[in-house]
Amino acid sequence: MNIAITVEKAADYSIVNVSGKIDASTSDALEDVLVDLLGQGEKNIILSLKDTVYISSAGLRVLVVIAKQVYDSGHFCLCNASDNVLEIIEMAGFNVFMNIYEDLSTAKEKIKAD
């Protein structure tokens, strides 16, 4: 299964929508998009996992890399994760240090509040 990544830019943040599987064969594409956004000066990124059906350890690595890069300067959060994807993220313990929101509107509100 291929991955589809789209980016929606707003004034205060960028939304990265991912559909498909984030695994060893697709995680580099996601990382490239996220790193490119940071390189363009984006400080706040919302990763919408609404149509993501699976995330592997390679995908989790991308989340850590990006979270570290924006830790002091902005926000990187996840939203709309399916129960399956959320379970994988929680089993890895990422919910302890990552902001994970149930839906996109909550993620937007949290970024605007800071």
C-alpha atoms as a PDB file:
ATOM      1  CA  MET A   1       0.000   0.000   0.000  1.00  0.00           C
ATOM      2  CA  ASN A   2       1.281   3.422  -0.913  1.00  0.00           C
ATOM      3  CA  ILE A   3       1.199   6.478   1.271  1.00  0.00           C
ATOM      4  CA  ALA A   4      -0.533   9.714   0.359  1.00  0.00           C
ATOM      5  CA  ILE A   5       0.628  12.934   2.000  1.00  0.00           C
ATOM      6  CA  THR A   6      -1.003  16.312   1.573  1.00  0.00           C
ATOM      7  CA  VAL A   7      -0.130  19.594   3.240  1.00  0.00           C
ATOM      8  CA  GLU A   8      -2.573  22.381   4.097  1.00  0.00           C
ATOM      9  CA  LYS A   9      -0.989  25.644   5.182  1.00  0.00           C
ATOM     10  CA  ALA A  10      -2.727  28.089   7.484  1.00  0.00           C
ATOM     11  CA  ALA A  11      -1.500  31.267   9.153  1.00  0.00           C
ATOM     12  CA  ASP A  12      -0.498  29.645  12.455  1.00  0.00           C
ATOM     13  CA  TYR A  13       0.260  26.056  11.436  1.00  0.00           C
ATOM     14  CA  SER A  14       0.507  23.458   8.705  1.00  0.00           C
ATOM     15  CA  ILE A  15      -1.645  20.342   8.613  1.00  0.00           C
ATOM     16  CA  VAL A  16      -0.032  17.228   7.183  1.00  0.00           C
ATOM     17  CA  ASN A  17      -2.626  14.612   6.219  1.00  0.00           C
ATOM     18  CA  VAL A  18      -1.375  11.050   5.883  1.00  0.00           C
ATOM     19  CA  SER A  19      -3.289   8.127   4.457  1.00  0.00           C
ATOM     20  CA  GLY A  20      -2.117   4.552   4.092  1.00  0.00           C
ATOM     21  CA  LYS A  21       0.648   2.810   6.003  1.00  0.00           C
ATOM     22  CA  ILE A  22       3.626   4.561   7.567  1.00  0.00           C
ATOM     23  CA  ASP A  23       6.280   1.857   7.460  1.00  0.00           C
ATOM     24  CA  ALA A  24       9.882   1.289   6.379  1.00  0.00           C
ATOM     25  CA  SER A  25       9.058   1.863   2.711  1.00  0.00           C
ATOM     26  CA  THR A  26       7.036   5.069   3.243  1.00  0.00           C
ATOM     27  CA  SER A  27       8.434   6.745   6.361  1.00  0.00           C
ATOM     28  CA  ASP A  28      11.206   8.542   4.440  1.00  0.00           C
ATOM     29  CA  ALA A  29       8.597  10.325   2.300  1.00  0.00           C
ATOM     30  CA  LEU A  30       6.803  11.532   5.420  1.00  0.00           C
ATOM     31  CA  GLU A  31      10.042  12.648   7.031  1.00  0.00           C
ATOM     32  CA  ASP A  32      11.011  14.560   3.874  1.00  0.00           C
ATOM     33  CA  VAL A  33       7.705  16.474   3.890  1.00  0.00           C
ATOM     34  CA  LEU A  34       7.973  17.321   7.595  1.00  0.00           C
ATOM     35  CA  VAL A  35      11.641  18.352   7.426  1.00  0.00           C
ATOM     36  CA  ASP A  36      10.876  20.474   4.369  1.00  0.00           C
ATOM     37  CA  LEU A  37       8.132  22.302   6.297  1.00  0.00           C
ATOM     38  CA  LEU A  38      10.545  22.990   9.151  1.00  0.00           C
ATOM     39  CA  GLY A  39      13.113  24.193   6.625  1.00  0.00           C
ATOM     40  CA  GLN A  40      10.531  26.663   5.295  1.00  0.00           C
ATOM     41  CA  GLY A  41      10.250  28.104   8.800  1.00  0.00           C
ATOM     42  CA  GLU A  42       7.057  26.358   9.891  1.00  0.00           C
ATOM     43  CA  LYS A  43       6.971  26.139  13.688  1.00  0.00           C
ATOM     44  CA  ASN A  44       3.636  24.383  14.226  1.00  0.00           C
ATOM     45  CA  ILE A  45       2.758  21.115  12.525  1.00  0.00           C
ATOM     46  CA  ILE A  46      -0.388  19.074  13.002  1.00  0.00           C
ATOM     47  CA  LEU A  47      -0.072  15.512  11.744  1.00  0.00           C
ATOM     48  CA  SER A  48      -3.533  14.199  10.903  1.00  0.00           C
ATOM     49  CA  LEU A  49      -3.616  10.413  10.917  1.00  0.00           C
ATOM     50  CA  LYS A  50      -7.289  10.106  10.003  1.00  0.00           C
ATOM     51  CA  ASP A  51      -6.678   7.768   7.074  1.00  0.00           C
ATOM     52  CA  THR A  52      -3.523   6.121   8.405  1.00  0.00           C
ATOM     53  CA  VAL A  53      -4.121   2.415   8.920  1.00  0.00           C
ATOM     54  CA  TYR A  54      -0.746   1.411  10.399  1.00  0.00           C
ATOM     55  CA  ILE A  55       2.470   2.876  11.770  1.00  0.00           C
ATOM     56  CA  SER A  56       5.654   0.850  12.194  1.00  0.00           C
ATOM     57  CA  SER A  57       8.789   1.514  14.213  1.00  0.00           C
ATOM     58  CA  ALA A  58      10.188   3.372  11.192  1.00  0.00           C
ATOM     59  CA  GLY A  59       7.179   5.690  11.322  1.00  0.00           C
ATOM     60  CA  LEU A  60       7.549   6.146  15.059  1.00  0.00           C
ATOM     61  CA  ARG A  61      11.184   7.158  14.506  1.00  0.00           C
ATOM     62  CA  VAL A  62      10.023   9.969  12.209  1.00  0.00           C
ATOM     63  CA  LEU A  63       7.689  11.236  14.947  1.00  0.00           C
ATOM     64  CA  VAL A  64      10.573  11.354  17.434  1.00  0.00           C
ATOM     65  CA  VAL A  65      12.910  13.119  14.990  1.00  0.00           C
ATOM     66  CA  ILE A  66      10.366  15.857  14.254  1.00  0.00           C
ATOM     67  CA  ALA A  67       9.218  16.197  17.878  1.00  0.00           C
ATOM     68  CA  LYS A  68      12.846  16.792  18.928  1.00  0.00           C
ATOM     69  CA  GLN A  69      13.351  19.424  16.223  1.00  0.00           C
ATOM     70  CA  VAL A  70      10.349  21.519  17.283  1.00  0.00           C
ATOM     71  CA  TYR A  71      10.564  20.883  21.030  1.00  0.00           C
ATOM     72  CA  ASP A  72      11.778  24.355  22.025  1.00  0.00           C
ATOM     73  CA  SER A  73      10.500  26.394  19.114  1.00  0.00           C
ATOM     74  CA  GLY A  74       6.998  25.263  18.219  1.00  0.00           C
ATOM     75  CA  HIS A  75       4.388  22.529  18.298  1.00  0.00           C
ATOM     76  CA  PHE A  76       4.190  19.113  16.711  1.00  0.00           C
ATOM     77  CA  CYS A  77       1.041  17.205  17.482  1.00  0.00           C
ATOM     78  CA  LEU A  78      -0.989  14.289  16.222  1.00  0.00           C
ATOM     79  CA  CYS A  79      -4.726  14.051  15.724  1.00  0.00           C
ATOM     80  CA  ASN A  80      -7.429  11.805  14.303  1.00  0.00           C
ATOM     81  CA  ALA A  81      -5.502   8.592  14.943  1.00  0.00           C
ATOM     82  CA  SER A  82      -7.477   5.388  14.569  1.00  0.00           C
ATOM     83  CA  ASP A  83      -7.701   3.085  17.571  1.00  0.00           C
ATOM     84  CA  ASN A  84      -5.164   0.751  15.953  1.00  0.00           C
ATOM     85  CA  VAL A  85      -2.601   3.493  15.272  1.00  0.00           C
ATOM     86  CA  LEU A  86      -3.185   5.097  18.672  1.00  0.00           C
ATOM     87  CA  GLU A  87      -2.603   1.744  20.367  1.00  0.00           C
ATOM     88  CA  ILE A  88       0.772   1.378  18.626  1.00  0.00           C
ATOM     89  CA  ILE A  89       1.770   4.930  19.606  1.00  0.00           C
ATOM     90  CA  GLU A  90       0.726   4.325  23.230  1.00  0.00           C
ATOM     91  CA  MET A  91       2.484   0.936  23.403  1.00  0.00           C
ATOM     92  CA  ALA A  92       5.674   2.729  22.369  1.00  0.00           C
ATOM     93  CA  GLY A  93       5.086   5.245  25.179  1.00  0.00           C
ATOM     94  CA  PHE A  94       4.921   8.223  22.825  1.00  0.00           C
ATOM     95  CA  ASN A  95       1.731   9.525  24.408  1.00  0.00           C
ATOM     96  CA  VAL A  96       3.875  10.537  27.395  1.00  0.00           C
ATOM     97  CA  PHE A  97       5.852  13.178  25.473  1.00  0.00           C
ATOM     98  CA  MET A  98       3.727  13.904  22.399  1.00  0.00           C
ATOM     99  CA  ASN A  99       0.567  15.948  22.174  1.00  0.00           C
ATOM    100  CA  ILE A 100      -2.144  13.706  20.769  1.00  0.00           C
ATOM    101  CA  TYR A 101      -5.616  15.120  20.166  1.00  0.00           C
ATOM    102  CA  GLU A 102      -8.846  13.394  19.274  1.00  0.00           C
ATOM    103  CA  ASP A 103      -9.656  15.693  16.374  1.00  0.00           C
ATOM    104  CA  LEU A 104      -8.287  18.454  14.194  1.00  0.00           C
ATOM    105  CA  SER A 105     -10.301  21.279  15.745  1.00  0.00           C
ATOM    106  CA  THR A 106      -8.879  20.497  19.199  1.00  0.00           C
ATOM    107  CA  ALA A 107      -5.333  20.467  17.795  1.00  0.00           C
ATOM    108  CA  LYS A 108      -5.898  23.846  16.136  1.00  0.00           C
ATOM    109  CA  GLU A 109      -7.291  25.328  19.368  1.00  0.00           C
ATOM    110  CA  LYS A 110      -4.312  24.124  21.400  1.00  0.00           C
ATOM    111  CA  ILE A 111      -1.809  25.672  18.982  1.00  0.00           C
ATOM    112  CA  LYS A 112      -3.656  28.979  18.864  1.00  0.00           C
ATOM    113  CA  ALA A 113      -3.915  29.060  22.680  1.00  0.00           C
ATOM    114  CA  ASP A 114      -0.122  28.976  23.127  1.00  0.00           C
END
